[in-house]
Amino acid sequence: MTPPSWIPPADSITRPDQIDPHALEELGLLYGERVLRCWKAGYGFLVMTNLRCVHVWHKPILFSRTDWHTGPPFFFYDLAPPEVVAGRFLELRCTDDPERTTARFLLHDASDVAREIEVARIEGRREWEARRARVLADLGDLPPPAPRPGTTLVLREVVMVRCSYCGNLVEVTRRQCPFCGAPQR
């Protein structure tokens, strides 16, 4: 049985155009996010964007909406430096909760991949900070509306929740995170 055409040789870096388009759709790219590099990892790919690393794998599952699936995203704003384990595995973990979000990927050359991710992680962290600063500046530039004479001003508490993608506080009534653009549940 020959492998599908979108599966590259195990020893090569994978270009995004070599990946099945359904796999990239499953990533759910955020506003301004773009795929930089991909590496073959098991039955899928370790995909690096300008903002995160995520594992995308191919496995048909009964009653699934797609044959492609993603693991936990490792966003650069809280990604610890990648580590090479046993010479072949790349370990990624978040600094907020390393127990919950740690993953190992079997790669052809884990040390080269670790170096590339580390460079992208530093640049990606800068990009997250710039995004956050822009959003905070935009939110701070909006003057509060002046009450019209003869109206009653009602003050309310604003309930905030953490965005499940980037971890920033977002008003519970918002449909999208103002920091990363991810849909809120």
Protein backbone atom coordinates (compact mmCIF):
# COMPACT_ATOMS: atom_id res chain seq x y z
CA MET A 1 0.00 0.00 0.00
CA THR A 2 1.48 3.36 -1.00
CA PRO A 3 1.17 6.26 1.45
CA PRO A 4 -1.03 9.23 0.47
CA SER A 5 0.69 11.86 -1.65
CA TRP A 6 0.69 14.42 1.18
CA ILE A 7 2.99 12.28 3.36
CA PRO A 8 6.60 13.46 2.77
CA PRO A 9 9.74 11.38 3.36
CA ALA A 10 10.53 11.04 7.07
CA ASP A 11 13.93 12.71 6.79
CA SER A 12 12.80 15.99 5.24
CA ILE A 13 11.40 19.21 6.57
CA THR A 14 7.85 19.46 5.38
CA ARG A 15 6.66 22.54 3.52
CA PRO A 16 3.13 23.64 4.43
CA ASP A 17 2.02 23.07 0.82
CA GLN A 18 2.95 19.38 1.21
CA ILE A 19 0.34 18.91 3.93
CA ASP A 20 -3.26 17.94 3.31
CA PRO A 21 -5.30 21.21 3.34
CA HIS A 22 -7.79 19.62 5.78
CA ALA A 23 -4.99 19.31 8.33
CA LEU A 24 -4.28 23.03 8.15
CA GLU A 25 -8.01 23.80 8.41
CA GLU A 26 -8.10 21.79 11.64
CA LEU A 27 -5.49 24.15 13.12
CA GLY A 28 -8.03 26.98 13.25
CA LEU A 29 -5.48 29.72 12.56
CA LEU A 30 -5.98 32.91 14.56
CA TYR A 31 -6.03 36.42 13.12
CA GLY A 32 -2.61 37.15 11.61
CA GLU A 33 -1.32 33.64 12.30
CA ARG A 34 0.62 31.89 9.55
CA VAL A 35 2.33 28.52 9.24
CA LEU A 36 6.13 28.79 9.24
CA ARG A 37 7.43 25.19 9.42
CA CYS A 38 6.18 21.64 9.70
CA TRP A 39 7.94 18.42 10.66
CA LYS A 40 6.79 14.84 10.20
CA ALA A 41 5.90 13.37 13.62
CA GLY A 42 4.30 9.92 13.72
CA TYR A 43 1.07 9.85 11.71
CA GLY A 44 0.94 13.60 11.54
CA PHE A 45 2.94 16.79 11.73
CA LEU A 46 4.34 19.14 14.33
CA VAL A 47 3.29 22.51 12.90
CA MET A 48 4.98 25.75 13.94
CA THR A 49 3.26 29.06 13.27
CA ASN A 50 4.38 32.56 14.18
CA LEU A 51 2.40 32.19 17.45
CA ARG A 52 2.49 28.53 18.54
CA CYS A 53 3.34 24.87 17.95
CA VAL A 54 0.62 22.27 17.61
CA HIS A 55 0.51 18.59 16.69
CA VAL A 56 -1.86 17.69 13.86
CA TRP A 57 -2.39 14.01 13.17
CA HIS A 58 -4.37 11.87 10.76
CA LYS A 59 -6.57 9.14 12.20
CA PRO A 60 -10.06 8.29 10.99
CA ILE A 61 -12.37 8.08 13.99
CA LEU A 62 -15.98 6.94 13.76
CA PHE A 63 -18.48 9.83 14.01
CA SER A 64 -15.71 12.42 13.88
CA ARG A 65 -16.33 15.52 11.78
CA THR A 66 -12.85 15.18 10.26
CA ASP A 67 -10.05 12.62 10.03
CA TRP A 68 -7.55 15.23 11.23
CA HIS A 69 -7.13 16.07 14.90
CA THR A 70 -5.03 18.52 16.91
CA GLY A 71 -3.42 18.22 20.30
CA PRO A 72 -3.00 20.99 22.87
CA PRO A 73 -1.58 24.20 21.38
CA PHE A 74 1.75 25.38 22.77
CA PHE A 75 1.48 29.16 22.50
CA PHE A 76 4.79 31.00 22.47
CA TYR A 77 3.72 33.47 25.15
CA ASP A 78 4.05 30.76 27.84
CA LEU A 79 6.03 28.00 26.11
CA ALA A 80 9.10 26.84 28.04
CA PRO A 81 12.30 26.30 26.03
CA PRO A 82 11.97 23.05 24.06
CA GLU A 83 14.03 20.09 25.28
CA VAL A 84 15.49 17.09 23.47
CA VAL A 85 14.87 13.82 25.34
CA ALA A 86 16.82 10.63 24.55
CA GLY A 87 18.20 12.20 21.39
CA ARG A 88 15.05 11.57 19.31
CA PHE A 89 12.16 13.14 21.22
CA LEU A 90 11.29 16.81 21.38
CA GLU A 91 9.48 17.81 24.58
CA LEU A 92 7.27 20.90 24.68
CA ARG A 93 5.67 22.21 27.86
CA CYS A 94 3.89 25.31 29.08
CA THR A 95 5.30 27.33 31.96
CA ASP A 96 1.85 27.91 33.52
CA ASP A 97 1.06 24.23 34.12
CA PRO A 98 3.86 21.91 32.98
CA GLU A 99 2.09 18.82 34.38
CA ARG A 100 -1.04 19.31 32.31
CA THR A 101 0.41 20.48 29.02
CA THR A 102 3.53 18.51 28.23
CA ALA A 103 3.98 16.52 25.04
CA ARG A 104 6.80 14.57 23.39
CA PHE A 105 7.22 14.21 19.65
CA LEU A 106 9.37 11.64 17.86
CA LEU A 107 11.22 13.55 15.14
CA HIS A 108 14.00 12.76 12.68
CA ASP A 109 16.35 15.44 14.06
CA ALA A 110 14.92 16.67 17.36
CA SER A 111 17.86 18.96 18.20
CA ASP A 112 17.52 20.95 14.95
CA VAL A 113 13.78 21.27 15.49
CA ALA A 114 14.37 22.42 19.10
CA ARG A 115 16.74 25.15 17.88
CA GLU A 116 14.26 26.38 15.27
CA ILE A 117 11.38 26.41 17.76
CA GLU A 118 13.49 28.29 20.31
CA VAL A 119 14.25 31.05 17.78
CA ALA A 120 10.58 31.24 16.77
CA ARG A 121 9.48 31.15 20.43
CA ILE A 122 11.49 34.27 21.27
CA GLU A 123 10.16 36.12 18.21
CA GLY A 124 6.63 34.82 18.83
CA ARG A 125 6.69 36.02 22.42
CA ARG A 126 7.57 39.51 21.16
CA GLU A 127 4.66 39.31 18.73
CA TRP A 128 2.26 38.30 21.53
CA GLU A 129 3.44 41.23 23.64
CA ALA A 130 2.96 43.63 20.71
CA ARG A 131 -0.55 42.24 20.11
CA ARG A 132 -1.42 42.62 23.76
CA ALA A 133 -0.08 46.19 23.88
CA ARG A 134 -2.12 47.14 20.77
CA VAL A 135 -5.33 45.70 22.21
CA LEU A 136 -4.79 47.38 25.58
CA ALA A 137 -4.06 50.69 23.84
CA ASP A 138 -7.21 50.34 21.73
CA LEU A 139 -9.29 49.55 24.81
CA GLY A 140 -7.74 52.49 26.69
CA ASP A 141 -8.39 54.96 23.85
CA LEU A 142 -12.15 54.56 24.04
CA PRO A 143 -13.57 57.33 26.22
CA PRO A 144 -16.53 56.37 28.37
CA PRO A 145 -19.78 57.68 26.94
CA ALA A 146 -21.02 60.80 28.73
CA PRO A 147 -24.45 60.36 30.27
CA ARG A 148 -27.13 62.59 28.81
CA PRO A 149 -28.73 65.08 31.15
CA GLY A 150 -31.71 63.63 32.97
CA THR A 151 -30.63 59.99 32.57
CA THR A 152 -29.87 57.51 35.28
CA LEU A 153 -26.42 55.97 35.25
CA VAL A 154 -26.41 52.24 36.06
CA LEU A 155 -23.14 50.73 37.20
CA ARG A 156 -22.55 46.99 36.89
CA GLU A 157 -19.88 44.47 37.64
CA VAL A 158 -18.05 43.03 34.64
CA VAL A 159 -17.36 39.31 34.84
CA MET A 160 -14.08 38.29 33.23
CA VAL A 161 -12.93 34.81 32.19
CA ARG A 162 -9.60 33.55 30.89
CA CYS A 163 -9.36 32.93 27.15
CA SER A 164 -8.74 29.21 26.65
CA TYR A 165 -6.29 29.98 23.82
CA CYS A 166 -4.09 32.84 25.04
CA GLY A 167 -4.92 33.07 28.77
CA ASN A 168 -5.80 36.79 28.82
CA LEU A 169 -8.84 38.06 30.73
CA VAL A 170 -11.89 38.61 28.48
CA GLU A 171 -15.38 39.86 29.31
CA VAL A 172 -17.72 36.90 29.60
CA THR A 173 -20.15 38.49 27.10
CA ARG A 174 -17.59 38.75 24.27
CA ARG A 175 -17.78 36.27 21.39
CA GLN A 176 -14.10 36.69 20.45
CA CYS A 177 -10.97 37.33 22.47
CA PRO A 178 -9.73 40.87 21.73
CA PHE A 179 -6.11 39.70 22.20
CA CYS A 180 -5.87 36.65 19.93
CA GLY A 181 -9.20 36.61 18.07
CA ALA A 182 -10.11 33.11 19.24
CA PRO A 183 -13.82 32.29 19.61
CA GLN A 184 -15.05 32.22 23.20
CA ARG A 185 -17.32 29.46 24.46
